Amino acid sequence: MEAVKKQLVLNKGGEKYIFRYESGAEAELLDCLVRQAGDERTSFDWFDAAVLSFKLTQSLIGEADRLLCKDMPDPLQSFPDDGEACI
């Protein structure tokens, strides 16, 4: 099975930073963000790295939720007919 190709994009002023990676290579992407933030030749800084790492984390959480909940019934339909919440 071929890895899913993904990307993170940051628009900063007139610059655009595009980081492409394959699903499963998130650790390598984080290493790349750190190297880029430490490179004084670009305007990409530690705040930018933090923003993109946050976006990456949110994306991974969303993927995990989809995987964990794909076989679960619709949560809005899981309440008993009498209207009481399940506790």
N, C-alpha and C. Protein backbone atom coordinates (compact mmCIF):
# COMPACT_ATOMS: atom_id res chain seq x y z
N MET A 1 0.84 -1.18 0.00
CA MET A 1 0.00 0.00 0.00
C MET A 1 0.88 1.24 0.00
N GLU A 2 0.58 2.16 -0.87
CA GLU A 2 1.36 3.39 -0.99
C GLU A 2 1.00 4.35 0.14
N ALA A 3 2.02 5.02 0.70
CA ALA A 3 1.79 5.98 1.77
C ALA A 3 1.02 7.19 1.25
N VAL A 4 0.17 7.73 2.08
CA VAL A 4 -0.61 8.91 1.71
C VAL A 4 0.31 10.13 1.75
N LYS A 5 0.28 10.91 0.71
CA LYS A 5 1.09 12.13 0.66
C LYS A 5 0.28 13.29 1.22
N LYS A 6 0.93 14.07 2.08
CA LYS A 6 0.27 15.20 2.74
C LYS A 6 1.17 16.42 2.66
N GLN A 7 0.61 17.55 3.06
CA GLN A 7 1.43 18.75 3.12
C GLN A 7 0.89 19.72 4.16
N LEU A 8 1.81 20.50 4.71
CA LEU A 8 1.48 21.62 5.58
C LEU A 8 1.94 22.88 4.86
N VAL A 9 1.12 23.92 4.89
CA VAL A 9 1.45 25.16 4.18
C VAL A 9 1.36 26.31 5.15
N LEU A 10 2.35 27.20 5.08
CA LEU A 10 2.35 28.42 5.89
C LEU A 10 2.59 29.59 4.96
N ASN A 11 1.65 30.53 4.94
CA ASN A 11 1.82 31.79 4.21
C ASN A 11 2.30 32.83 5.21
N LYS A 12 3.44 33.43 4.92
CA LYS A 12 4.02 34.43 5.84
C LYS A 12 4.46 35.62 5.01
N GLY A 13 3.66 36.69 5.09
CA GLY A 13 3.96 37.84 4.26
C GLY A 13 3.89 37.45 2.80
N GLY A 14 4.94 37.73 2.07
CA GLY A 14 4.99 37.37 0.66
C GLY A 14 5.59 36.00 0.42
N GLU A 15 5.91 35.29 1.49
CA GLU A 15 6.52 33.97 1.35
C GLU A 15 5.51 32.86 1.62
N LYS A 16 5.76 31.73 1.02
CA LYS A 16 4.93 30.55 1.24
C LYS A 16 5.86 29.38 1.52
N TYR A 17 5.64 28.74 2.67
CA TYR A 17 6.42 27.56 3.04
C TYR A 17 5.52 26.34 2.87
N ILE A 18 5.99 25.39 2.09
CA ILE A 18 5.24 24.16 1.84
C ILE A 18 6.10 22.99 2.29
N PHE A 19 5.58 22.21 3.21
CA PHE A 19 6.28 21.03 3.71
C PHE A 19 5.46 19.81 3.29
N ARG A 20 6.03 18.99 2.41
CA ARG A 20 5.35 17.78 1.95
C ARG A 20 5.95 16.58 2.66
N TYR A 21 5.09 15.64 3.04
CA TYR A 21 5.54 14.46 3.75
C TYR A 21 4.57 13.33 3.51
N GLU A 22 5.00 12.12 3.83
CA GLU A 22 4.14 10.95 3.70
C GLU A 22 3.57 10.60 5.06
N SER A 23 2.38 10.04 5.04
CA SER A 23 1.77 9.57 6.27
C SER A 23 2.73 8.59 6.94
N GLY A 24 2.97 8.78 8.22
CA GLY A 24 3.91 7.95 8.95
C GLY A 24 5.27 8.61 9.11
N ALA A 25 5.51 9.71 8.42
CA ALA A 25 6.80 10.41 8.49
C ALA A 25 6.68 11.71 9.27
N GLU A 26 5.73 11.77 10.21
CA GLU A 26 5.50 13.01 10.95
C GLU A 26 6.70 13.40 11.82
N ALA A 27 7.40 12.41 12.39
CA ALA A 27 8.58 12.71 13.22
C ALA A 27 9.67 13.39 12.38
N GLU A 28 9.86 12.91 11.16
CA GLU A 28 10.84 13.52 10.27
C GLU A 28 10.42 14.93 9.90
N LEU A 29 9.13 15.15 9.73
CA LEU A 29 8.63 16.49 9.44
C LEU A 29 8.93 17.43 10.60
N LEU A 30 8.70 16.98 11.82
CA LEU A 30 9.00 17.82 12.99
C LEU A 30 10.48 18.16 13.04
N ASP A 31 11.35 17.19 12.75
CA ASP A 31 12.79 17.47 12.69
C ASP A 31 13.10 18.52 11.64
N CYS A 32 12.43 18.45 10.51
CA CYS A 32 12.62 19.42 9.44
C CYS A 32 12.18 20.82 9.88
N LEU A 33 11.07 20.90 10.58
CA LEU A 33 10.59 22.21 11.08
C LEU A 33 11.62 22.82 12.03
N VAL A 34 12.20 22.00 12.89
CA VAL A 34 13.22 22.48 13.83
C VAL A 34 14.44 22.99 13.06
N ARG A 35 14.90 22.22 12.09
CA ARG A 35 16.05 22.67 11.29
C ARG A 35 15.75 23.97 10.56
N GLN A 36 14.56 24.06 10.00
CA GLN A 36 14.18 25.27 9.24
C GLN A 36 14.12 26.48 10.17
N ALA A 37 13.58 26.30 11.37
CA ALA A 37 13.48 27.41 12.31
C ALA A 37 14.85 27.89 12.77
N GLY A 38 15.82 26.98 12.80
CA GLY A 38 17.17 27.35 13.20
C GLY A 38 18.01 27.92 12.08
N ASP A 39 17.51 27.91 10.87
CA ASP A 39 18.24 28.41 9.71
C ASP A 39 18.03 29.92 9.59
N GLU A 40 19.08 30.66 9.81
CA GLU A 40 18.98 32.13 9.80
C GLU A 40 18.85 32.71 8.39
N ARG A 41 18.95 31.88 7.37
CA ARG A 41 18.83 32.38 5.99
C ARG A 41 17.38 32.61 5.58
N THR A 42 16.43 32.12 6.39
CA THR A 42 15.01 32.29 6.05
C THR A 42 14.31 33.06 7.17
N SER A 43 13.12 33.53 6.88
CA SER A 43 12.33 34.22 7.91
C SER A 43 11.46 33.24 8.71
N PHE A 44 11.55 31.94 8.39
CA PHE A 44 10.82 30.92 9.13
C PHE A 44 11.42 30.85 10.52
N ASP A 45 10.58 31.10 11.54
CA ASP A 45 11.10 31.15 12.90
C ASP A 45 10.45 30.11 13.80
N TRP A 46 10.77 30.16 15.09
CA TRP A 46 10.26 29.17 16.04
C TRP A 46 8.75 29.26 16.20
N PHE A 47 8.20 30.45 16.11
CA PHE A 47 6.74 30.59 16.19
C PHE A 47 6.09 29.88 15.00
N ASP A 48 6.65 30.04 13.82
CA ASP A 48 6.13 29.37 12.63
C ASP A 48 6.20 27.85 12.80
N ALA A 49 7.31 27.36 13.34
CA ALA A 49 7.45 25.92 13.59
C ALA A 49 6.40 25.45 14.59
N ALA A 50 6.14 26.26 15.61
CA ALA A 50 5.13 25.90 16.60
C ALA A 50 3.73 25.86 15.98
N VAL A 51 3.43 26.83 15.13
CA VAL A 51 2.11 26.87 14.47
C VAL A 51 1.93 25.62 13.60
N LEU A 52 2.94 25.28 12.82
CA LEU A 52 2.80 24.11 11.94
C LEU A 52 2.78 22.81 12.73
N SER A 53 3.54 22.73 13.82
CA SER A 53 3.50 21.51 14.62
C SER A 53 2.14 21.37 15.29
N PHE A 54 1.51 22.49 15.66
CA PHE A 54 0.16 22.45 16.21
C PHE A 54 -0.83 21.97 15.15
N LYS A 55 -0.71 22.48 13.93
CA LYS A 55 -1.58 22.04 12.84
C LYS A 55 -1.40 20.55 12.57
N LEU A 56 -0.15 20.08 12.63
CA LEU A 56 0.13 18.66 12.43
C LEU A 56 -0.53 17.83 13.53
N THR A 57 -0.41 18.29 14.76
CA THR A 57 -1.02 17.58 15.89
C THR A 57 -2.53 17.51 15.74
N GLN A 58 -3.15 18.61 15.38
CA GLN A 58 -4.60 18.63 15.19
C GLN A 58 -5.01 17.66 14.08
N SER A 59 -4.24 17.61 13.02
CA SER A 59 -4.53 16.69 11.92
C SER A 59 -4.43 15.24 12.40
N LEU A 60 -3.40 14.92 13.18
CA LEU A 60 -3.23 13.56 13.69
C LEU A 60 -4.35 13.18 14.65
N ILE A 61 -4.79 14.12 15.47
CA ILE A 61 -5.90 13.86 16.38
C ILE A 61 -7.17 13.57 15.58
N GLY A 62 -7.41 14.35 14.53
CA GLY A 62 -8.57 14.12 13.68
C GLY A 62 -8.53 12.75 13.02
N GLU A 63 -7.35 12.35 12.55
CA GLU A 63 -7.21 11.03 11.93
C GLU A 63 -7.46 9.93 12.95
N ALA A 64 -6.92 10.09 14.15
CA ALA A 64 -7.13 9.09 15.21
C ALA A 64 -8.60 8.98 15.56
N ASP A 65 -9.28 10.11 15.67
CA ASP A 65 -10.72 10.09 15.97
C ASP A 65 -11.49 9.34 14.88
N ARG A 66 -11.15 9.61 13.62
CA ARG A 66 -11.84 8.93 12.52
C ARG A 66 -11.59 7.42 12.56
N LEU A 67 -10.36 7.03 12.84
CA LEU A 67 -10.04 5.60 12.91
C LEU A 67 -10.73 4.92 14.09
N LEU A 68 -10.74 5.58 15.24
CA LEU A 68 -11.33 4.99 16.42
C LEU A 68 -12.85 4.93 16.36
N CYS A 69 -13.45 5.88 15.66
CA CYS A 69 -14.91 5.98 15.65
C CYS A 69 -15.55 5.46 14.38
N LYS A 70 -14.77 4.93 13.45
CA LYS A 70 -15.35 4.55 12.16
C LYS A 70 -16.40 3.45 12.28
N ASP A 71 -16.25 2.57 13.28
CA ASP A 71 -17.21 1.47 13.43
C ASP A 71 -18.22 1.72 14.54
N MET A 72 -18.14 2.89 15.16
CA MET A 72 -19.07 3.20 16.24
C MET A 72 -20.36 3.75 15.67
N PRO A 73 -21.47 3.52 16.36
CA PRO A 73 -22.73 4.10 15.90
C PRO A 73 -22.68 5.62 16.05
N ASP A 74 -23.57 6.27 15.36
CA ASP A 74 -23.68 7.72 15.44
C ASP A 74 -23.95 8.11 16.89
N PRO A 75 -23.07 8.94 17.50
CA PRO A 75 -23.27 9.29 18.91
C PRO A 75 -24.60 10.00 19.17
N LEU A 76 -25.14 10.67 18.18
CA LEU A 76 -26.42 11.34 18.37
C LEU A 76 -27.57 10.35 18.40
N GLN A 77 -27.34 9.15 17.89
CA GLN A 77 -28.37 8.13 17.86
C GLN A 77 -28.22 7.10 18.98
N SER A 78 -27.27 7.31 19.90
CA SER A 78 -26.97 6.29 20.90
C SER A 78 -27.68 6.52 22.23
N PHE A 79 -28.56 7.48 22.31
CA PHE A 79 -29.33 7.70 23.54
C PHE A 79 -30.57 6.80 23.57
N PRO A 80 -30.97 6.37 24.77
CA PRO A 80 -32.18 5.55 24.86
C PRO A 80 -33.40 6.33 24.39
N ASP A 81 -34.43 5.60 24.00
CA ASP A 81 -35.66 6.23 23.49
C ASP A 81 -36.37 7.08 24.53
N ASP A 82 -36.12 6.85 25.83
CA ASP A 82 -36.83 7.62 26.85
C ASP A 82 -36.23 9.00 27.07
N GLY A 83 -35.17 9.34 26.33
CA GLY A 83 -34.58 10.66 26.40
C GLY A 83 -33.53 10.84 27.48
N GLU A 84 -33.29 9.82 28.31
CA GLU A 84 -32.27 9.94 29.35
C GLU A 84 -30.90 9.63 28.76
N ALA A 85 -29.91 10.34 29.24
CA ALA A 85 -28.55 10.13 28.76
C ALA A 85 -27.98 8.87 29.39
N CYS A 86 -27.13 8.18 28.64
CA CYS A 86 -26.44 7.01 29.15
C CYS A 86 -25.25 7.47 29.99
N ILE A 87 -25.16 6.96 31.19
CA ILE A 87 -24.05 7.36 32.06
C ILE A 87 -23.32 6.13 32.52
